[in-house]
Amino acid sequence: MGADEVGTLEALKTHRREVVDPAIADHNGRIVKTTGDGMLVEFSSAVDAVTCAMAVQGKMTERNETLVPVITFRIGINVGDIIIDGDDIFGDGVNVAARVENECEPGCVCLSGSAFEQVRGKTDFAFDDLGEKSLKNIDRPVRLYAARPAGSAKTPEAASSFKAIPPLQLPEKPSIAVLPFQNMSGDPEQEYFADGMVEDIITALSRIKWLFVIARNSSFAYKGKAIDIRQVGRELGVRYVLEGSVRKAGNRVRITGQLIEASTGSHIWAEKFDSPLDDIFDLQDQVTTHVVSTISPRLQQSEWERANRKPTENLTAYDYYLRGFAKRHSSKKETFVEALPLFKKAIELDEGYAQAYAAIAFWYVLLITYGWSQNREQENTNAIRFARKALELNTEDSLVLAQGGYTLGHIADEIEDGAGFLKRATSADPNFAMAWYLRGLINVFMGNYDEAIVQLERSLRLSPFDPLAFATYNGLAYSNLFCGRNDKATEWAEASVRHNPNYLGSRRALLACYAASGNIEAAKAVWEVARHMDPTQRISDIRKRYPLRRDQDVAELAQCFRMAGMPE
């Protein structure tokens, strides 16, 4: 309008006359009223409403390829109760429709959850779940869906010919922006608390080397503004956005956080924290640690799913690495072995990919640990070779330091060097649960049991729902066993077996704990299961499986295995 008021108005009228009004009539709609450049339309059928809306947007996309000025519409659809007053309609159903339209990308059609339920499976269109949204003046969150032609790209922006700001190209690795948390307290004094916490979260996330994190100054440019998450994603060039709020009431504070995939607006994770304000800085640290340790695995899981959705002909080295990483987490041998060629393909595409070399080294460690070894000598050689190559390429990345260092400590018997690399890994990224776990295991092997217990428990605290937690339980079982805390050791060993009954290491730890506690019959029963899992097990191979430095630990373990019935 600012550039050409008369021409724009005439174009709008032409679109109404040639596209919009005929489509509404064709699909049995009724124009209730017009409001400037908008209109309210009533349909007796949600299917008619969606079909009409998609027809309008399809025609507008075609017209905008040749006509000037380019005009795009947003269309929001809701099913709800209304109040009829003459020819006009009012009520919550109308209000929600208006708010849904406001959330819509230009050129797109958005539905509320109630509208989606009425059209699900009844049209040829596809619908993308955009997650729940808090809409202005609506007292409850509303789940939104974006409609698109079946077979089209799964991005709400795909139908839009409007680009306010050219989107930045996404980095190859996962990317995130942490927006300023809203101060909902009505207390300006709490502003510094919310800002300080966000800065701490940004700093902590920045230590994760596989993650691209937008700097604080750019994130805080959105402070105090009403923002669209999808727009933030385009403007900052990130795949994920973390937002939240802080609300103080009396001597308590509630902090909420939610992780959102920017391209779709769908929620990946959300949580709230309630705590007294006795020590505000300690609370900041607690929230920061919890948020970072919780969203890190969620981001990784989301990235695995994203890589698996990509067609194989478009995969990059990073995509192959992600797919391999996901398969390496499997406790099923047939899935686990599929990881190695994927990691090797990543290296083939990028010979300097240190993380992929480290991943292969650790793959061999796990192969041996799980009892799936075929040629131990060759596998040891391969593990050491890939670990050294990874550390030669990068000694700053916490993942490389952790996996490469542990491989050298466990397989190459360079335990002091391995411990040093792992210490550097936890210093580089204090929130990296896997590094704390591996550092704890190395200390078990070295005989530093109290240190090991602290580090293993910290790993659990950082990743309480880790699918690999059974391995941490196992480390805690051995730490407590060698300290003479048999009851505690047995609890951890039993938890490890419950978590992953297919992990041989858990069975061996449990039979050792039962034998050390004098429960010989239970130890023998566990040995029968372990023997069927790997008939080659012998007491003489203890040092091959566990690089224990203390002779008394080897002797204790040998005696426990012997009592359970394991052959010499």
Foldseek 3Di string as FASTA:
>chain_A
DVVDVVVVVVVLVVLCVPQQVVLCVVLQKDFLAADVSGTDIDDPALQSVVVSVVRSLVVLLVCQVPDPPRDFAFFFAEDDDWDDDPSHIDDPRRVVRVQQSVLADTSWYKYWPRSCVRCVPPDQWDKDWLAWDDTPPDPDTITMIIIDHPPDDPFSCPSPPDDPDQFDAADPFAEEEEAQEAEPAPDPVCSCLSLVLSQLLQVQLVLQVRYHYDDPVVRDVCPPHDDRLLVVCRHVVHQKYKYWYWHDDDQKIKIKIWIAGNRRNHTQDIDMDIDGVPDSVVVSVVVSLQVNLVVVVSSLVVLLVVLVPDDPVPDALVSLQSVLVVQCLDLDPVSNVVSQVSLVVSCVRPVLPLLSLLVLLLSLVVCVQQQNDDDNVVSLVSSLVSLVSSCVSDLLRLSSLQSSLLSCVQRVVPLVSSLVSLVNSCVSNVLPLSSLLSNLLSCLQAVVLVSSLVSLVSSCVSPVPDLPNLSSLLSNLSSCVVVVNLVSSLVSLVVSCVSPVSRLSSLLSNLLSCLSVVVLVVSLVSVVVSCVSPVVDALVCVCVNRVHPDPVSSVSSSVSCVSSPGHD
